[in-house]
Each structure stands twice: as C-alpha cells, then as structure tokens.
Amino acid sequence: MENTRLKSELKRVVVFLEDVVDKITNYLNDTTITSLENEIAGDKDYFLKLLKSIRKLVVFCEEALDACITILRNQPFKEDVANQLLFKVYQQCIERYFHPKNDVWYEDSRSAYSSTKAIVFRKTPPPSLADLITAFEDDFQVVREALDKGVQPQF
C-alpha cells in the first residue's frame, strides 16, 4: 500500500476499533452472568465462555487501537510498521471475532451464498449478547475484506 492509502486505511481501522471497543465495554460494564441468566434459561458455563470470548476480543481491539493511534502520531510515518500492525489487527481482532478461541460461535462459510448471517452460536445465547456479536458482523466483514486485499505479511 502506498503511504497515503495506508494512512487512510489505518484511520478507518481506528474508527472501527473505537466503535467496537466502546460498544463491547459498555455492554460488559452493564452485564453480569445473573443478568444473562435472567434473559434466557440456558447453560451457565456456555454463558461464561461467551463472556470470556468477548472480554478477550475487546482486549485485543483495545491494544490494536492504542497501537494504531501511536503509529498515526509518529513522524515520520513508518509504512512497514503500519503494515505489520494492520496484519496483526487482522490476525488478532478480525480472525478472533470470526473464530473465537473456545469455539462458542463460528463463521458459517456458506453464509455469503445463502444471504444469511455468518455468525452461528454453538448453543442458544442470551439475546442481548447475540445482538451485540451479530451487530458487528458487517463491520468486521468490511474491515476483513479491506485488510485481506491490502495487507500482506512482511517476513
């Protein structure tokens, strides 16, 4: 990516990450396992795993956001560092969203062909949590496609 395009992409990622961090943080600040159990009868262990996945996602997104802001402020702008960071955002944030480590949800690879949502939960989640996760799907997909086309790992 050329310098201007790379900066522009980094700025779009910052806006995206700010939104994700803000919404997930607000959700987590207002949610307890008891409130999830009050929404729907279900598997408490599954609910705990869902919350754990969301917490991990927000931590990765916060770290990536801080790094993106730092790189944008640095002068001169270091293209190679920015490329590496965007690749890291792809690996740690985007992929973690579509494929959480403990597999509490997964991406249906056929969703693009069937016009359905890509995120499928292993068990029935509390509605508020499902709404939070699925609300981000389109934004994560847009960022994934942009980064997938423009960011190549530098080894």
N, C-alpha and C. Protein backbone atom coordinates (compact mmCIF):
# COMPACT_ATOMS: atom_id res chain seq x y z
N MET A 1 0.84 -1.18 0.00
CA MET A 1 0.00 0.00 0.00
C MET A 1 0.88 1.24 0.00
N GLU A 2 0.47 2.23 -0.73
CA GLU A 2 1.23 3.46 -0.71
C GLU A 2 0.93 4.20 0.59
N ASN A 3 1.81 5.13 0.95
CA ASN A 3 1.77 5.82 2.22
C ASN A 3 0.41 6.47 2.51
N THR A 4 -0.16 7.22 1.59
CA THR A 4 -1.43 7.91 1.82
C THR A 4 -2.57 6.91 1.99
N ARG A 5 -2.59 5.92 1.16
CA ARG A 5 -3.63 4.89 1.24
C ARG A 5 -3.49 4.10 2.54
N LEU A 6 -2.29 3.83 2.93
CA LEU A 6 -2.04 3.10 4.17
C LEU A 6 -2.50 3.91 5.38
N LYS A 7 -2.19 5.20 5.40
CA LYS A 7 -2.64 6.07 6.49
C LYS A 7 -4.17 6.12 6.53
N SER A 8 -4.76 6.23 5.38
CA SER A 8 -6.21 6.29 5.29
C SER A 8 -6.84 5.00 5.82
N GLU A 9 -6.28 3.89 5.45
CA GLU A 9 -6.78 2.60 5.93
C GLU A 9 -6.61 2.48 7.44
N LEU A 10 -5.49 2.93 7.94
CA LEU A 10 -5.23 2.91 9.37
C LEU A 10 -6.25 3.77 10.12
N LYS A 11 -6.59 4.92 9.56
CA LYS A 11 -7.59 5.80 10.18
C LYS A 11 -8.97 5.14 10.19
N ARG A 12 -9.32 4.44 9.13
CA ARG A 12 -10.60 3.73 9.10
C ARG A 12 -10.62 2.61 10.14
N VAL A 13 -9.50 1.94 10.31
CA VAL A 13 -9.41 0.89 11.31
C VAL A 13 -9.55 1.47 12.71
N VAL A 14 -8.97 2.65 12.93
CA VAL A 14 -9.09 3.31 14.24
C VAL A 14 -10.56 3.59 14.55
N VAL A 15 -11.29 4.15 13.60
CA VAL A 15 -12.72 4.45 13.81
C VAL A 15 -13.49 3.16 14.10
N PHE A 16 -13.20 2.13 13.34
CA PHE A 16 -13.85 0.83 13.53
C PHE A 16 -13.55 0.27 14.92
N LEU A 17 -12.28 0.28 15.31
CA LEU A 17 -11.89 -0.27 16.62
C LEU A 17 -12.47 0.55 17.76
N GLU A 18 -12.51 1.87 17.62
CA GLU A 18 -13.11 2.72 18.66
C GLU A 18 -14.57 2.33 18.88
N ASP A 19 -15.29 2.09 17.81
CA ASP A 19 -16.70 1.71 17.91
C ASP A 19 -16.84 0.35 18.59
N VAL A 20 -16.05 -0.61 18.18
CA VAL A 20 -16.10 -1.96 18.77
C VAL A 20 -15.78 -1.90 20.26
N VAL A 21 -14.69 -1.24 20.60
CA VAL A 21 -14.27 -1.15 22.00
C VAL A 21 -15.34 -0.45 22.84
N ASP A 22 -15.87 0.64 22.33
CA ASP A 22 -16.88 1.39 23.06
C ASP A 22 -18.13 0.53 23.32
N LYS A 23 -18.64 -0.11 22.31
CA LYS A 23 -19.87 -0.89 22.46
C LYS A 23 -19.68 -2.12 23.34
N ILE A 24 -18.58 -2.82 23.15
CA ILE A 24 -18.35 -4.01 23.98
C ILE A 24 -18.09 -3.61 25.43
N THR A 25 -17.32 -2.57 25.64
CA THR A 25 -17.03 -2.12 27.00
C THR A 25 -18.32 -1.72 27.71
N ASN A 26 -19.16 -0.96 27.05
CA ASN A 26 -20.44 -0.58 27.64
C ASN A 26 -21.29 -1.80 27.98
N TYR A 27 -21.31 -2.76 27.07
CA TYR A 27 -22.07 -3.98 27.31
C TYR A 27 -21.52 -4.72 28.54
N LEU A 28 -20.22 -4.91 28.58
CA LEU A 28 -19.62 -5.64 29.69
C LEU A 28 -19.78 -4.92 31.02
N ASN A 29 -19.77 -3.60 31.00
CA ASN A 29 -19.95 -2.83 32.23
C ASN A 29 -21.36 -2.98 32.79
N ASP A 30 -22.31 -3.26 31.93
CA ASP A 30 -23.71 -3.37 32.35
C ASP A 30 -24.20 -4.80 32.50
N THR A 31 -23.36 -5.78 32.24
CA THR A 31 -23.82 -7.17 32.18
C THR A 31 -23.15 -8.03 33.25
N THR A 32 -23.97 -8.88 33.84
CA THR A 32 -23.45 -9.88 34.78
C THR A 32 -23.96 -11.25 34.31
N ILE A 33 -23.39 -12.28 34.85
CA ILE A 33 -23.86 -13.62 34.49
C ILE A 33 -25.30 -13.79 34.94
N THR A 34 -25.67 -13.17 36.05
CA THR A 34 -27.05 -13.23 36.54
C THR A 34 -28.01 -12.56 35.57
N SER A 35 -27.60 -11.40 35.04
CA SER A 35 -28.48 -10.72 34.09
C SER A 35 -28.65 -11.54 32.81
N LEU A 36 -27.61 -12.25 32.41
CA LEU A 36 -27.72 -13.12 31.23
C LEU A 36 -28.67 -14.29 31.51
N GLU A 37 -28.55 -14.86 32.71
CA GLU A 37 -29.43 -15.97 33.07
C GLU A 37 -30.89 -15.51 33.20
N ASN A 38 -31.09 -14.24 33.57
CA ASN A 38 -32.45 -13.71 33.66
C ASN A 38 -33.07 -13.49 32.28
N GLU A 39 -32.23 -13.32 31.26
CA GLU A 39 -32.74 -13.13 29.90
C GLU A 39 -33.31 -14.41 29.32
N ILE A 40 -32.61 -15.51 29.58
CA ILE A 40 -32.99 -16.79 28.97
C ILE A 40 -32.42 -17.92 29.82
N ALA A 41 -33.19 -18.98 29.97
CA ALA A 41 -32.68 -20.16 30.66
C ALA A 41 -31.68 -20.83 29.73
N GLY A 42 -30.55 -21.20 30.29
CA GLY A 42 -29.53 -21.81 29.43
C GLY A 42 -28.38 -22.35 30.23
N ASP A 43 -27.34 -22.67 29.54
CA ASP A 43 -26.14 -23.28 30.09
C ASP A 43 -25.22 -22.18 30.65
N LYS A 44 -25.10 -22.13 31.96
CA LYS A 44 -24.29 -21.10 32.61
C LYS A 44 -22.84 -21.17 32.15
N ASP A 45 -22.29 -22.36 32.01
CA ASP A 45 -20.90 -22.50 31.56
C ASP A 45 -20.71 -21.92 30.16
N TYR A 46 -21.70 -22.13 29.31
CA TYR A 46 -21.64 -21.57 27.96
C TYR A 46 -21.69 -20.05 28.01
N PHE A 47 -22.55 -19.49 28.86
CA PHE A 47 -22.64 -18.05 29.02
C PHE A 47 -21.31 -17.47 29.50
N LEU A 48 -20.67 -18.18 30.44
CA LEU A 48 -19.36 -17.72 30.93
C LEU A 48 -18.31 -17.75 29.82
N LYS A 49 -18.35 -18.78 29.00
CA LYS A 49 -17.42 -18.85 27.87
C LYS A 49 -17.67 -17.74 26.85
N LEU A 50 -18.93 -17.41 26.62
CA LEU A 50 -19.27 -16.30 25.73
C LEU A 50 -18.68 -14.99 26.26
N LEU A 51 -18.89 -14.74 27.55
CA LEU A 51 -18.35 -13.51 28.16
C LEU A 51 -16.82 -13.49 28.09
N LYS A 52 -16.21 -14.63 28.31
CA LYS A 52 -14.75 -14.72 28.23
C LYS A 52 -14.25 -14.38 26.83
N SER A 53 -14.93 -14.90 25.82
CA SER A 53 -14.54 -14.60 24.43
C SER A 53 -14.69 -13.13 24.11
N ILE A 54 -15.76 -12.53 24.60
CA ILE A 54 -15.99 -11.11 24.34
C ILE A 54 -14.93 -10.26 25.06
N ARG A 55 -14.59 -10.65 26.28
CA ARG A 55 -13.54 -9.92 27.01
C ARG A 55 -12.21 -9.98 26.27
N LYS A 56 -11.87 -11.16 25.78
CA LYS A 56 -10.62 -11.31 25.03
C LYS A 56 -10.63 -10.45 23.77
N LEU A 57 -11.75 -10.47 23.08
CA LEU A 57 -11.88 -9.68 21.86
C LEU A 57 -11.68 -8.20 22.14
N VAL A 58 -12.29 -7.69 23.20
CA VAL A 58 -12.17 -6.26 23.49
C VAL A 58 -10.74 -5.91 23.91
N VAL A 59 -10.06 -6.80 24.59
CA VAL A 59 -8.66 -6.54 24.96
C VAL A 59 -7.78 -6.44 23.71
N PHE A 60 -7.94 -7.38 22.80
CA PHE A 60 -7.16 -7.32 21.55
C PHE A 60 -7.48 -6.06 20.76
N CYS A 61 -8.76 -5.69 20.72
CA CYS A 61 -9.15 -4.49 19.98
C CYS A 61 -8.62 -3.22 20.64
N GLU A 62 -8.62 -3.17 21.98
CA GLU A 62 -8.06 -2.01 22.68
C GLU A 62 -6.57 -1.86 22.42
N GLU A 63 -5.85 -2.98 22.49
CA GLU A 63 -4.41 -2.94 22.24
C GLU A 63 -4.12 -2.50 20.80
N ALA A 64 -4.88 -3.02 19.87
CA ALA A 64 -4.69 -2.65 18.47
C ALA A 64 -5.03 -1.18 18.25
N LEU A 65 -6.07 -0.70 18.89
CA LEU A 65 -6.46 0.71 18.78
C LEU A 65 -5.35 1.61 19.28
N ASP A 66 -4.80 1.29 20.44
CA ASP A 66 -3.70 2.09 21.00
C ASP A 66 -2.50 2.11 20.06
N ALA A 67 -2.18 0.95 19.51
CA ALA A 67 -1.04 0.86 18.59
C ALA A 67 -1.29 1.66 17.31
N CYS A 68 -2.50 1.59 16.78
CA CYS A 68 -2.83 2.35 15.55
C CYS A 68 -2.72 3.85 15.79
N ILE A 69 -3.24 4.31 16.90
CA ILE A 69 -3.17 5.74 17.23
C ILE A 69 -1.73 6.18 17.38
N THR A 70 -0.92 5.38 18.02
CA THR A 70 0.50 5.70 18.21
C THR A 70 1.21 5.79 16.87
N ILE A 71 0.98 4.85 15.99
CA ILE A 71 1.64 4.85 14.68
C ILE A 71 1.21 6.06 13.85
N LEU A 72 -0.06 6.42 13.93
CA LEU A 72 -0.53 7.59 13.19
C LEU A 72 0.09 8.89 13.70
N ARG A 73 0.40 8.94 14.98
CA ARG A 73 1.00 10.15 15.57
C ARG A 73 2.50 10.25 15.29
N ASN A 74 3.14 9.11 15.10
CA ASN A 74 4.59 9.12 14.90
C ASN A 74 4.98 9.80 13.59
N GLN A 75 6.02 10.58 13.68
CA GLN A 75 6.58 11.24 12.49
C GLN A 75 8.05 10.87 12.40
N PRO A 76 8.53 10.45 11.32
CA PRO A 76 7.82 10.20 10.07
C PRO A 76 6.98 8.92 10.18
N PHE A 77 5.97 8.85 9.34
CA PHE A 77 5.09 7.69 9.29
C PHE A 77 5.88 6.49 8.77
N LYS A 78 5.86 5.42 9.52
CA LYS A 78 6.63 4.22 9.16
C LYS A 78 5.70 3.20 8.50
N GLU A 79 5.84 3.13 7.20
CA GLU A 79 4.97 2.28 6.40
C GLU A 79 5.09 0.80 6.76
N ASP A 80 6.30 0.33 6.96
CA ASP A 80 6.48 -1.09 7.27
C ASP A 80 5.86 -1.46 8.61
N VAL A 81 5.98 -0.57 9.60
CA VAL A 81 5.40 -0.82 10.92
C VAL A 81 3.86 -0.80 10.82
N ALA A 82 3.32 0.13 10.05
CA ALA A 82 1.88 0.22 9.86
C ALA A 82 1.34 -1.04 9.18
N ASN A 83 2.05 -1.52 8.18
CA ASN A 83 1.65 -2.77 7.51
C ASN A 83 1.64 -3.94 8.47
N GLN A 84 2.67 -4.05 9.29
CA GLN A 84 2.74 -5.13 10.26
C GLN A 84 1.60 -5.03 11.27
N LEU A 85 1.29 -3.80 11.68
CA LEU A 85 0.20 -3.61 12.64
C LEU A 85 -1.14 -4.01 12.03
N LEU A 86 -1.39 -3.61 10.80
CA LEU A 86 -2.65 -3.98 10.16
C LEU A 86 -2.76 -5.50 10.00
N PHE A 87 -1.66 -6.14 9.72
CA PHE A 87 -1.66 -7.60 9.65
C PHE A 87 -1.99 -8.19 11.03
N LYS A 88 -1.45 -7.58 12.07
CA LYS A 88 -1.73 -8.03 13.44
C LYS A 88 -3.20 -7.80 13.80
N VAL A 89 -3.76 -6.67 13.39
CA VAL A 89 -5.19 -6.39 13.60
C VAL A 89 -6.01 -7.48 12.93
N TYR A 90 -5.63 -7.83 11.73
CA TYR A 90 -6.34 -8.88 11.01
C TYR A 90 -6.29 -10.20 11.77
N GLN A 91 -5.11 -10.57 12.21
CA GLN A 91 -4.93 -11.85 12.89
C GLN A 91 -5.58 -11.90 14.27
N GLN A 92 -5.41 -10.82 15.04
CA GLN A 92 -5.86 -10.86 16.44
C GLN A 92 -7.27 -10.35 16.66
N CYS A 93 -7.74 -9.44 15.85
CA CYS A 93 -9.08 -8.88 16.07
C CYS A 93 -10.10 -9.49 15.11
N ILE A 94 -9.82 -9.40 13.85
CA ILE A 94 -10.77 -9.87 12.85
C ILE A 94 -10.95 -11.38 12.94
N GLU A 95 -9.86 -12.11 12.91
CA GLU A 95 -9.95 -13.57 12.99
C GLU A 95 -10.49 -14.03 14.34
N ARG A 96 -10.17 -13.32 15.41
CA ARG A 96 -10.67 -13.68 16.75
C ARG A 96 -12.19 -13.47 16.81
N TYR A 97 -12.68 -12.46 16.09
CA TYR A 97 -14.13 -12.25 16.05
C TYR A 97 -14.82 -13.42 15.32
N PHE A 98 -14.33 -13.77 14.16
CA PHE A 98 -14.98 -14.82 13.37
C PHE A 98 -14.70 -16.23 13.89
N HIS A 99 -13.60 -16.39 14.61
CA HIS A 99 -13.22 -17.72 15.12
C HIS A 99 -12.67 -17.59 16.54
N PRO A 100 -13.55 -17.40 17.53
CA PRO A 100 -13.04 -17.27 18.90
C PRO A 100 -12.34 -18.55 19.34
N LYS A 101 -11.39 -18.37 20.21
CA LYS A 101 -10.52 -19.47 20.61
C LYS A 101 -11.28 -20.67 21.18
N ASN A 102 -12.31 -20.41 21.99
CA ASN A 102 -13.01 -21.53 22.62
C ASN A 102 -14.24 -22.00 21.84
N ASP A 103 -14.38 -21.54 20.59
CA ASP A 103 -15.43 -22.01 19.68
C ASP A 103 -16.85 -21.89 20.22
N VAL A 104 -17.16 -20.79 20.92
CA VAL A 104 -18.53 -20.60 21.39
C VAL A 104 -19.45 -20.17 20.25
N TRP A 105 -18.86 -19.64 19.21
CA TRP A 105 -19.56 -19.38 17.96
C TRP A 105 -18.58 -19.63 16.83
N TYR A 106 -19.08 -19.68 15.63
CA TYR A 106 -18.21 -19.92 14.48
C TYR A 106 -18.79 -19.20 13.27
N GLU A 107 -18.00 -19.13 12.23
CA GLU A 107 -18.43 -18.49 11.00
C GLU A 107 -18.94 -19.56 10.03
N ASP A 108 -20.16 -19.36 9.56
CA ASP A 108 -20.72 -20.25 8.55
C ASP A 108 -20.17 -19.81 7.20
N SER A 109 -19.31 -20.59 6.64
CA SER A 109 -18.64 -20.22 5.39
C SER A 109 -19.60 -20.16 4.20
N ARG A 110 -20.77 -20.74 4.33
CA ARG A 110 -21.75 -20.72 3.25
C ARG A 110 -22.66 -19.51 3.32
N SER A 111 -22.49 -18.68 4.32
CA SER A 111 -23.42 -17.56 4.52
C SER A 111 -23.40 -16.57 3.35
N ALA A 112 -22.27 -16.40 2.71
CA ALA A 112 -22.19 -15.47 1.59
C ALA A 112 -23.08 -15.92 0.43
N TYR A 113 -23.26 -17.22 0.30
CA TYR A 113 -24.07 -17.75 -0.79
C TYR A 113 -25.55 -17.85 -0.44
N SER A 114 -25.83 -17.92 0.86
CA SER A 114 -27.22 -18.12 1.28
C SER A 114 -27.87 -16.85 1.84
N SER A 115 -27.14 -15.73 1.82
CA SER A 115 -27.65 -14.45 2.32
C SER A 115 -28.12 -14.52 3.76
N THR A 116 -27.40 -15.28 4.57
CA THR A 116 -27.70 -15.37 6.00
C THR A 116 -26.53 -14.80 6.78
N LYS A 117 -26.74 -14.63 8.06
CA LYS A 117 -25.67 -14.13 8.92
C LYS A 117 -24.57 -15.18 9.01
N ALA A 118 -23.33 -14.71 9.11
CA ALA A 118 -22.19 -15.63 9.13
C ALA A 118 -21.95 -16.21 10.52
N ILE A 119 -22.30 -15.49 11.57
CA ILE A 119 -22.03 -15.95 12.93
C ILE A 119 -23.12 -16.92 13.37
N VAL A 120 -22.68 -18.11 13.78
CA VAL A 120 -23.59 -19.14 14.28
C VAL A 120 -23.11 -19.53 15.67
N PHE A 121 -24.01 -19.48 16.63
CA PHE A 121 -23.67 -19.84 18.01
C PHE A 121 -23.82 -21.34 18.21
N ARG A 122 -22.94 -21.91 19.00
CA ARG A 122 -22.97 -23.36 19.25
C ARG A 122 -24.22 -23.76 20.03
N LYS A 123 -24.63 -22.88 20.96
CA LYS A 123 -25.84 -23.09 21.76
C LYS A 123 -26.63 -21.79 21.73
N THR A 124 -27.79 -21.80 22.31
CA THR A 124 -28.61 -20.60 22.33
C THR A 124 -28.03 -19.58 23.32
N PRO A 125 -27.63 -18.42 22.81
CA PRO A 125 -27.05 -17.39 23.67
C PRO A 125 -28.15 -16.47 24.22
N PRO A 126 -27.85 -15.70 25.25
CA PRO A 126 -28.78 -14.67 25.69
C PRO A 126 -28.98 -13.67 24.54
N PRO A 127 -30.20 -13.20 24.34
CA PRO A 127 -30.48 -12.31 23.21
C PRO A 127 -29.60 -11.05 23.16
N SER A 128 -29.34 -10.43 24.30
CA SER A 128 -28.53 -9.20 24.29
C SER A 128 -27.12 -9.48 23.81
N LEU A 129 -26.59 -10.62 24.20
CA LEU A 129 -25.22 -10.97 23.80
C LEU A 129 -25.19 -11.33 22.31
N ALA A 130 -26.17 -12.06 21.87
CA ALA A 130 -26.25 -12.41 20.44
C ALA A 130 -26.38 -11.15 19.60
N ASP A 131 -27.21 -10.21 20.06
CA ASP A 131 -27.38 -8.95 19.33
C ASP A 131 -26.08 -8.17 19.25
N LEU A 132 -25.33 -8.16 20.34
CA LEU A 132 -24.04 -7.45 20.36
C LEU A 132 -23.09 -8.04 19.33
N ILE A 133 -22.91 -9.34 19.36
CA ILE A 133 -21.96 -10.00 18.47
C ILE A 133 -22.39 -9.86 17.01
N THR A 134 -23.64 -10.12 16.73
CA THR A 134 -24.08 -10.07 15.33
C THR A 134 -24.17 -8.65 14.79
N ALA A 135 -24.32 -7.67 15.67
CA ALA A 135 -24.37 -6.27 15.22
C ALA A 135 -23.05 -5.84 14.57
N PHE A 136 -21.96 -6.47 14.96
CA PHE A 136 -20.64 -6.12 14.43
C PHE A 136 -20.29 -6.86 13.14
N GLU A 137 -21.05 -7.85 12.80
CA GLU A 137 -20.67 -8.74 11.70
C GLU A 137 -20.35 -8.01 10.40
N ASP A 138 -21.22 -7.12 9.97
CA ASP A 138 -20.99 -6.42 8.71
C ASP A 138 -19.73 -5.56 8.76
N ASP A 139 -19.52 -4.86 9.88
CA ASP A 139 -18.32 -4.02 10.02
C ASP A 139 -17.04 -4.85 10.03
N PHE A 140 -17.06 -5.96 10.75
CA PHE A 140 -15.88 -6.83 10.76
C PHE A 140 -15.62 -7.39 9.36
N GLN A 141 -16.68 -7.71 8.64
CA GLN A 141 -16.51 -8.25 7.29
C GLN A 141 -15.91 -7.21 6.35
N VAL A 142 -16.36 -5.96 6.44
CA VAL A 142 -15.83 -4.89 5.60
C VAL A 142 -14.34 -4.68 5.88
N VAL A 143 -13.99 -4.61 7.16
CA VAL A 143 -12.58 -4.41 7.53
C VAL A 143 -11.75 -5.62 7.12
N ARG A 144 -12.30 -6.80 7.29
CA ARG A 144 -11.59 -8.01 6.89
C ARG A 144 -11.26 -7.98 5.40
N GLU A 145 -12.24 -7.64 4.58
CA GLU A 145 -12.02 -7.59 3.14
C GLU A 145 -11.00 -6.53 2.75
N ALA A 146 -11.07 -5.38 3.40
CA ALA A 146 -10.11 -4.30 3.11
C ALA A 146 -8.69 -4.72 3.49
N LEU A 147 -8.56 -5.32 4.65
CA LEU A 147 -7.22 -5.73 5.10
C LEU A 147 -6.72 -6.94 4.33
N ASP A 148 -7.62 -7.81 3.99
CA ASP A 148 -7.23 -9.01 3.25
C ASP A 148 -6.65 -8.65 1.88
N LYS A 149 -7.19 -7.61 1.26
CA LYS A 149 -6.70 -7.19 -0.05
C LYS A 149 -5.42 -6.37 0.04
N GLY A 150 -5.29 -5.57 1.11
CA GLY A 150 -4.21 -4.62 1.15
C GLY A 150 -3.04 -4.96 2.04
N VAL A 151 -3.18 -5.89 2.92
CA VAL A 151 -2.12 -6.16 3.88
C VAL A 151 -1.55 -7.55 3.66
N GLN A 152 -0.29 -7.59 3.38
CA GLN A 152 0.40 -8.86 3.23
C GLN A 152 1.45 -8.96 4.34
N PRO A 153 1.61 -10.13 4.93
CA PRO A 153 2.60 -10.26 5.99
C PRO A 153 4.01 -9.97 5.49
N GLN A 154 4.78 -9.31 6.32
CA GLN A 154 6.16 -8.98 5.99
C GLN A 154 7.08 -9.86 6.84
N PHE A 155 7.63 -10.90 6.23
CA PHE A 155 8.51 -11.80 6.99
C PHE A 155 9.94 -11.61 6.57
